[in-house]
N, C-alpha and C. Protein backbone atom coordinates (compact mmCIF):
# COMPACT_ATOMS: atom_id res chain seq x y z
N MET A 1 -3.92 27.71 61.83
CA MET A 1 -3.24 26.91 62.80
C MET A 1 -3.73 26.88 64.40
N LYS A 2 -3.62 25.81 64.59
CA LYS A 2 -3.93 25.61 66.04
C LYS A 2 -3.04 26.57 66.95
N THR A 3 -3.74 27.06 67.92
CA THR A 3 -2.79 28.05 68.77
C THR A 3 -1.86 27.22 69.66
N SER A 4 -2.36 25.93 69.94
CA SER A 4 -1.43 25.08 70.70
C SER A 4 -0.26 24.54 70.09
N GLU A 5 -0.12 24.85 68.44
CA GLU A 5 0.77 24.33 67.97
C GLU A 5 1.84 25.67 67.68
N LEU A 6 1.35 26.73 67.87
CA LEU A 6 2.27 27.95 67.67
C LEU A 6 3.60 27.89 68.07
N THR A 7 4.79 28.44 67.50
CA THR A 7 5.97 28.32 68.17
C THR A 7 6.85 29.41 67.29
N GLY A 8 8.05 29.63 67.89
CA GLY A 8 8.89 30.58 67.10
C GLY A 8 8.33 31.77 66.45
N THR A 9 8.46 31.94 65.26
CA THR A 9 8.25 33.32 64.58
C THR A 9 6.74 33.43 64.57
N THR A 10 6.04 32.32 64.34
CA THR A 10 4.57 32.20 64.17
C THR A 10 3.92 32.79 65.61
N LEU A 11 4.34 32.42 66.61
CA LEU A 11 3.89 32.60 67.78
C LEU A 11 4.12 34.05 68.27
N ASP A 12 5.29 34.42 67.86
CA ASP A 12 5.51 35.86 68.20
C ASP A 12 4.64 36.72 67.19
N TRP A 13 4.41 36.54 66.06
CA TRP A 13 3.56 37.21 65.32
C TRP A 13 2.10 37.00 65.73
N ALA A 14 1.86 36.08 66.33
CA ALA A 14 0.46 35.89 66.75
C ALA A 14 -0.02 36.72 68.15
N VAL A 15 1.28 36.82 68.97
CA VAL A 15 1.36 37.57 70.11
C VAL A 15 0.98 39.14 69.66
N ALA A 16 1.84 39.55 68.64
CA ALA A 16 1.54 40.86 68.20
C ALA A 16 0.25 41.28 67.76
N GLN A 17 -0.19 40.30 67.03
CA GLN A 17 -1.56 40.35 66.68
C GLN A 17 -2.85 40.34 67.78
N ALA A 18 -2.53 39.73 68.76
CA ALA A 18 -3.38 39.67 69.99
C ALA A 18 -3.09 40.99 70.84
N LYS A 19 -1.85 41.67 70.67
CA LYS A 19 -1.98 42.78 71.29
C LYS A 19 -2.15 43.97 70.50
N LYS A 20 -2.61 43.60 69.03
CA LYS A 20 -2.83 44.78 68.20
C LYS A 20 -1.79 45.73 67.97
N ILE A 21 -0.63 45.38 67.75
CA ILE A 21 0.53 46.20 67.20
C ILE A 21 1.02 45.80 66.01
N LYS A 22 1.67 46.60 65.30
CA LYS A 22 2.25 46.32 64.14
C LYS A 22 3.59 45.88 64.30
N VAL A 23 3.95 44.91 63.56
CA VAL A 23 5.33 44.48 63.56
C VAL A 23 5.73 44.46 62.10
N TYR A 24 7.20 44.37 61.93
CA TYR A 24 7.89 44.18 60.62
C TYR A 24 8.89 43.32 60.71
N ARG A 25 8.83 42.36 59.65
CA ARG A 25 10.00 41.25 59.65
C ARG A 25 11.36 41.94 59.08
N SER A 26 12.30 41.66 59.89
CA SER A 26 13.62 42.12 59.50
C SER A 26 14.06 41.04 58.43
N LYS A 27 15.24 41.33 57.98
CA LYS A 27 15.78 40.59 57.09
C LYS A 27 16.38 39.20 57.63
N SER A 28 16.68 39.23 58.88
CA SER A 28 17.07 38.08 59.61
C SER A 28 15.88 37.15 60.09
N GLY A 29 14.48 37.73 59.75
CA GLY A 29 13.40 36.95 60.33
C GLY A 29 12.71 37.30 61.55
N LYS A 30 13.26 38.30 62.11
CA LYS A 30 12.98 38.67 63.81
C LYS A 30 11.89 39.64 63.42
N TRP A 31 10.81 39.86 64.31
CA TRP A 31 9.83 40.83 64.19
C TRP A 31 10.41 42.10 64.91
N MET A 32 10.00 43.21 64.27
CA MET A 32 10.87 44.34 64.70
C MET A 32 9.25 45.35 65.29
N THR A 33 9.47 46.01 66.13
CA THR A 33 8.44 47.17 66.52
C THR A 33 8.88 48.03 67.54
N ALA A 34 8.31 49.22 67.50
CA ALA A 34 8.72 50.34 68.52
C ALA A 34 7.74 50.47 69.41
N ALA A 35 6.60 50.12 69.19
CA ALA A 35 5.34 50.20 69.70
C ALA A 35 5.44 49.84 71.32
N TYR A 36 4.87 50.55 72.08
CA TYR A 36 4.76 50.34 73.50
C TYR A 36 6.04 50.30 74.35
N GLY A 37 7.14 50.61 73.72
CA GLY A 37 8.49 50.67 74.22
C GLY A 37 9.16 49.22 74.26
N ASP A 38 8.69 48.30 73.41
CA ASP A 38 9.21 47.18 73.18
C ASP A 38 10.61 47.14 72.62
N PHE A 39 11.59 47.14 73.54
CA PHE A 39 13.10 47.59 73.05
C PHE A 39 13.88 46.34 73.66
N ASN A 40 14.45 45.67 72.86
CA ASN A 40 15.56 44.57 73.46
C ASN A 40 16.83 45.26 73.67
N HIS A 41 17.20 45.68 74.79
CA HIS A 41 18.73 46.28 74.92
C HIS A 41 19.72 45.49 74.77
N ARG A 42 19.69 43.80 74.87
CA ARG A 42 20.63 43.31 74.59
C ARG A 42 20.99 43.06 73.22
N HIS A 43 20.06 43.31 72.32
CA HIS A 43 20.38 43.25 70.92
C HIS A 43 20.67 44.55 70.43
N GLY A 44 20.21 45.50 71.04
CA GLY A 44 20.25 46.93 70.44
C GLY A 44 19.27 47.24 69.49
N ALA A 45 18.26 46.45 69.51
CA ALA A 45 17.30 46.68 68.11
C ALA A 45 15.92 46.23 68.88
N PRO A 46 14.83 47.05 68.31
CA PRO A 46 13.47 46.65 68.81
C PRO A 46 12.88 45.52 68.32
N TRP A 47 13.48 44.35 68.66
CA TRP A 47 13.00 42.96 68.41
C TRP A 47 11.76 42.65 69.26
N PHE A 48 10.96 41.94 68.61
CA PHE A 48 9.69 41.68 69.50
C PHE A 48 9.58 40.02 69.37
N SER A 49 9.96 39.58 70.49
CA SER A 49 10.09 38.00 70.57
C SER A 49 9.56 37.41 72.08
N PRO A 50 8.35 37.79 72.31
CA PRO A 50 7.74 37.59 73.86
C PRO A 50 7.85 36.16 73.94
N SER A 51 8.02 35.09 73.00
CA SER A 51 8.01 33.77 73.36
C SER A 51 9.35 33.23 73.88
N ILE A 52 10.51 34.00 73.83
CA ILE A 52 11.74 33.68 74.23
C ILE A 52 12.47 34.70 75.09
N ASP A 53 11.78 35.92 75.19
CA ASP A 53 12.50 37.03 75.94
C ASP A 53 11.65 37.57 77.06
N TRP A 54 12.10 37.26 78.28
CA TRP A 54 11.30 37.67 79.41
C TRP A 54 10.92 39.24 79.49
N LEU A 55 11.74 39.94 78.97
CA LEU A 55 11.45 41.45 79.09
C LEU A 55 10.23 41.82 78.36
N GLU A 56 9.96 41.14 77.37
CA GLU A 56 8.72 41.26 76.70
C GLU A 56 7.44 40.41 76.92
N GLY A 57 7.74 39.11 77.29
CA GLY A 57 6.67 38.11 77.52
C GLY A 57 6.25 38.20 79.03
N GLY A 58 7.22 38.48 79.97
CA GLY A 58 7.03 38.59 81.38
C GLY A 58 5.91 39.35 81.76
N TRP A 59 5.98 40.72 81.21
CA TRP A 59 4.91 41.78 81.69
C TRP A 59 3.53 41.47 81.13
N ILE A 60 3.56 40.52 80.00
CA ILE A 60 2.30 40.11 79.62
C ILE A 60 1.60 39.15 80.50
N ILE A 61 2.56 38.08 81.04
CA ILE A 61 1.98 37.29 82.03
C ILE A 61 1.54 37.89 83.40
N GLU A 62 2.29 38.99 83.73
CA GLU A 62 1.89 39.75 84.75
C GLU A 62 0.37 40.51 84.63
N ARG A 63 0.52 41.23 83.43
CA ARG A 63 -0.57 42.10 83.49
C ARG A 63 -2.00 41.24 83.15
N GLU A 64 -1.77 40.03 82.45
CA GLU A 64 -3.04 39.32 82.09
C GLU A 64 -3.43 38.17 83.21
N GLU A 65 -2.77 38.19 84.22
CA GLU A 65 -2.47 37.36 85.31
C GLU A 65 -2.54 35.80 84.87
N ILE A 66 -1.59 35.47 84.22
CA ILE A 66 -1.53 34.06 83.46
C ILE A 66 -0.99 33.26 84.44
N ASP A 67 -1.47 32.15 85.12
CA ASP A 67 -0.87 31.43 85.89
C ASP A 67 -0.06 30.38 85.19
N VAL A 68 1.62 30.27 85.30
CA VAL A 68 2.31 29.30 84.78
C VAL A 68 2.98 28.37 85.75
N SER A 69 2.89 27.19 85.35
CA SER A 69 3.38 26.14 86.53
C SER A 69 4.15 25.15 85.40
N CYS A 70 5.04 24.37 86.43
CA CYS A 70 5.83 23.17 85.56
C CYS A 70 4.94 22.00 85.87
N VAL A 71 4.70 21.29 84.84
CA VAL A 71 3.84 20.08 84.93
C VAL A 71 4.63 18.85 85.17
N ASN A 72 6.03 18.78 84.40
CA ASN A 72 6.83 17.89 84.69
C ASN A 72 8.17 18.53 83.65
N THR A 73 8.97 17.56 83.87
CA THR A 73 10.36 17.88 83.11
C THR A 73 9.94 18.29 81.71
N GLY A 74 10.20 19.45 81.21
CA GLY A 74 10.12 19.88 79.58
C GLY A 74 8.80 20.07 79.42
N LEU A 75 7.54 20.15 80.42
CA LEU A 75 6.39 20.75 80.04
C LEU A 75 5.98 21.58 80.98
N TRP A 76 5.41 22.65 80.39
CA TRP A 76 4.98 24.02 81.15
C TRP A 76 3.27 24.05 81.11
N SER A 77 2.82 24.39 81.89
CA SER A 77 1.36 24.84 81.87
C SER A 77 0.83 26.36 82.12
N ALA A 78 0.21 26.83 81.35
CA ALA A 78 -0.22 28.32 81.37
C ALA A 78 -1.95 28.15 81.53
N LYS A 79 -2.48 28.95 82.44
CA LYS A 79 -3.90 28.83 82.58
C LYS A 79 -4.25 30.60 82.64
N TRP A 80 -5.51 30.84 82.18
CA TRP A 80 -6.03 32.20 82.27
C TRP A 80 -7.58 31.78 82.63
N TRP A 81 -7.84 32.49 83.79
CA TRP A 81 -9.32 32.45 84.12
C TRP A 81 -9.97 33.73 83.61
N ALA A 82 -10.95 33.39 82.98
CA ALA A 82 -11.86 34.53 82.39
C ALA A 82 -12.49 35.43 83.68
N ASN A 83 -12.50 36.60 83.75
CA ASN A 83 -12.98 37.65 84.94
C ASN A 83 -14.04 38.22 84.10
N ASN A 84 -15.39 37.35 84.08
CA ASN A 84 -16.48 38.29 83.56
C ASN A 84 -17.53 38.58 84.44
N SER A 85 -18.47 39.38 84.19
CA SER A 85 -19.68 39.50 85.06
C SER A 85 -20.46 38.28 85.14
N GLY A 86 -20.60 37.54 84.24
CA GLY A 86 -21.53 36.31 84.29
C GLY A 86 -21.19 35.35 85.29
N MET A 87 -19.84 35.55 85.77
CA MET A 87 -19.66 34.61 86.88
C MET A 87 -20.15 34.76 88.37
N VAL A 88 -20.72 36.16 88.26
CA VAL A 88 -21.38 36.54 89.65
C VAL A 88 -22.75 35.74 89.48
N GLU A 89 -23.50 35.93 88.32
CA GLU A 89 -24.82 35.37 88.16
C GLU A 89 -24.69 33.83 88.13
N ASN A 90 -23.63 33.23 87.61
CA ASN A 90 -23.59 31.96 87.39
C ASN A 90 -22.21 31.49 87.30
N PRO A 91 -21.67 30.99 88.57
CA PRO A 91 -20.34 30.53 88.80
C PRO A 91 -19.73 29.44 87.93
N ALA A 92 -20.68 28.54 87.43
CA ALA A 92 -20.42 27.55 86.34
C ALA A 92 -20.10 28.16 85.04
N GLN A 93 -20.46 29.53 84.66
CA GLN A 93 -19.93 29.80 83.59
C GLN A 93 -18.50 30.18 83.41
N ARG A 94 -17.84 30.50 84.59
CA ARG A 94 -16.55 30.73 84.69
C ARG A 94 -15.71 29.63 83.81
N PHE A 95 -16.08 28.37 83.98
CA PHE A 95 -15.26 27.34 83.38
C PHE A 95 -15.30 27.16 81.99
N LYS A 96 -16.47 27.87 81.35
CA LYS A 96 -16.69 27.76 79.87
C LYS A 96 -15.52 28.43 79.28
N HIS A 97 -15.00 29.52 80.06
CA HIS A 97 -14.13 30.39 79.33
C HIS A 97 -12.73 30.47 79.74
N ASN A 98 -12.43 29.36 80.67
CA ASN A 98 -10.95 29.14 81.10
C ASN A 98 -10.10 28.68 79.79
N ILE A 99 -8.78 28.93 80.03
CA ILE A 99 -8.06 28.57 78.96
C ILE A 99 -6.65 27.98 79.70
N GLN A 100 -6.31 26.88 79.00
CA GLN A 100 -5.17 26.32 79.61
C GLN A 100 -4.47 25.84 78.39
N THR A 101 -3.05 26.12 78.36
CA THR A 101 -2.22 25.77 77.32
C THR A 101 -0.75 25.12 77.53
N TYR A 102 -0.20 24.44 76.95
CA TYR A 102 1.15 23.76 77.49
C TYR A 102 2.19 24.13 76.57
N GLY A 103 3.45 24.10 76.98
CA GLY A 103 4.62 24.30 76.00
C GLY A 103 5.74 23.80 76.79
N PRO A 104 6.96 23.93 75.83
CA PRO A 104 8.24 23.38 76.41
C PRO A 104 8.93 24.24 77.34
N THR A 105 8.54 25.57 77.38
CA THR A 105 9.03 26.57 78.12
C THR A 105 7.88 27.19 78.70
N PRO A 106 8.10 28.09 79.98
CA PRO A 106 7.21 28.87 80.56
C PRO A 106 6.48 30.17 79.82
N LEU A 107 7.55 30.63 78.93
CA LEU A 107 7.21 31.72 77.86
C LEU A 107 6.26 31.19 76.72
N ILE A 108 6.81 30.09 76.32
CA ILE A 108 5.86 29.58 75.25
C ILE A 108 4.61 29.02 75.60
N ALA A 109 4.43 28.49 76.78
CA ALA A 109 2.96 27.96 77.20
C ALA A 109 2.15 29.27 77.44
N ALA A 110 2.84 30.32 78.22
CA ALA A 110 1.94 31.65 78.43
C ALA A 110 1.62 32.49 77.35
N MET A 111 2.49 32.36 76.19
CA MET A 111 2.31 33.14 75.18
C MET A 111 1.17 32.53 74.36
N ARG A 112 1.17 31.13 74.23
CA ARG A 112 -0.11 30.54 73.67
C ARG A 112 -1.39 30.66 74.55
N CYS A 113 -1.31 30.82 75.77
CA CYS A 113 -2.27 31.19 76.49
C CYS A 113 -2.94 32.36 76.16
N TYR A 114 -2.08 33.39 76.07
CA TYR A 114 -2.51 34.86 75.74
C TYR A 114 -3.03 35.08 74.45
N VAL A 115 -2.44 34.27 73.57
CA VAL A 115 -3.07 34.39 72.24
C VAL A 115 -4.34 33.66 72.19
N ALA A 116 -4.57 32.57 72.73
CA ALA A 116 -5.92 31.73 72.67
C ALA A 116 -6.92 32.66 73.54
N SER A 117 -6.60 33.37 74.56
CA SER A 117 -7.47 34.06 75.21
C SER A 117 -8.01 35.27 74.26
N LYS A 118 -7.20 35.69 73.37
CA LYS A 118 -7.53 36.94 72.58
C LYS A 118 -8.07 36.75 71.05
N LEU A 119 -7.34 35.54 70.72
CA LEU A 119 -7.88 35.05 69.14
C LEU A 119 -8.54 33.82 69.06
N GLY A 120 -8.51 32.92 70.10
CA GLY A 120 -9.15 31.85 69.99
C GLY A 120 -8.18 30.76 69.83
N ASP A 121 -8.62 29.48 69.79
CA ASP A 121 -8.36 28.11 69.49
C ASP A 121 -7.19 28.17 68.36
N GLU A 122 -7.70 28.80 67.34
CA GLU A 122 -7.05 28.84 65.93
C GLU A 122 -6.81 30.16 65.44
N VAL A 123 -5.85 30.45 64.90
CA VAL A 123 -5.38 31.76 64.29
C VAL A 123 -4.80 31.39 62.79
N GLU A 124 -5.20 32.32 61.93
CA GLU A 124 -5.07 32.33 60.55
C GLU A 124 -3.57 33.11 60.36
N ILE A 125 -2.67 32.04 59.99
CA ILE A 125 -1.31 32.54 59.80
C ILE A 125 -0.88 32.93 58.37
N PRO A 126 -0.34 33.91 57.95
CA PRO A 126 0.13 34.35 56.68
C PRO A 126 0.83 33.13 56.11
N GLU A 127 0.76 32.95 54.87
CA GLU A 127 1.34 31.87 54.22
C GLU A 127 3.01 32.00 54.32
N GLU A 128 3.44 33.41 54.31
CA GLU A 128 4.90 33.53 54.30
C GLU A 128 5.63 32.95 55.61
N LEU A 129 4.73 32.79 56.62
CA LEU A 129 5.05 32.41 58.05
C LEU A 129 5.11 30.88 58.21
N GLN A 130 4.23 30.19 57.31
CA GLN A 130 4.13 28.90 57.68
C GLN A 130 5.33 28.00 56.93
N CYS A 131 5.96 27.24 57.62
CA CYS A 131 7.04 26.31 57.02
C CYS A 131 6.60 24.97 56.93
């Protein structure tokens, strides 16, 4: 599935894969984890939903230095600039590795950008997650 089309459960699952953490699907369809202290205090359970919860997605944006901005009403852009040593020798190389994604919310745009930066433009989604 294209990273630019990930949303909801599939996007949260892909973020977990990008972070290399194990998640478990609850009966309600939510992803659960106790890794890295991902704990959603509002729900009282270790839900992992970075595409809708700033407690989980916000620190990914900050740590990865993802630039999020509003393009127009209902459309957000997220950008990640590669910081690699090749830029020093050839500044033009920087633009080969830049990633820009879009989404209806800042978190969806940013989590798509994060997944794309770690896993690429396409992600193999398990059949049970595909709807």
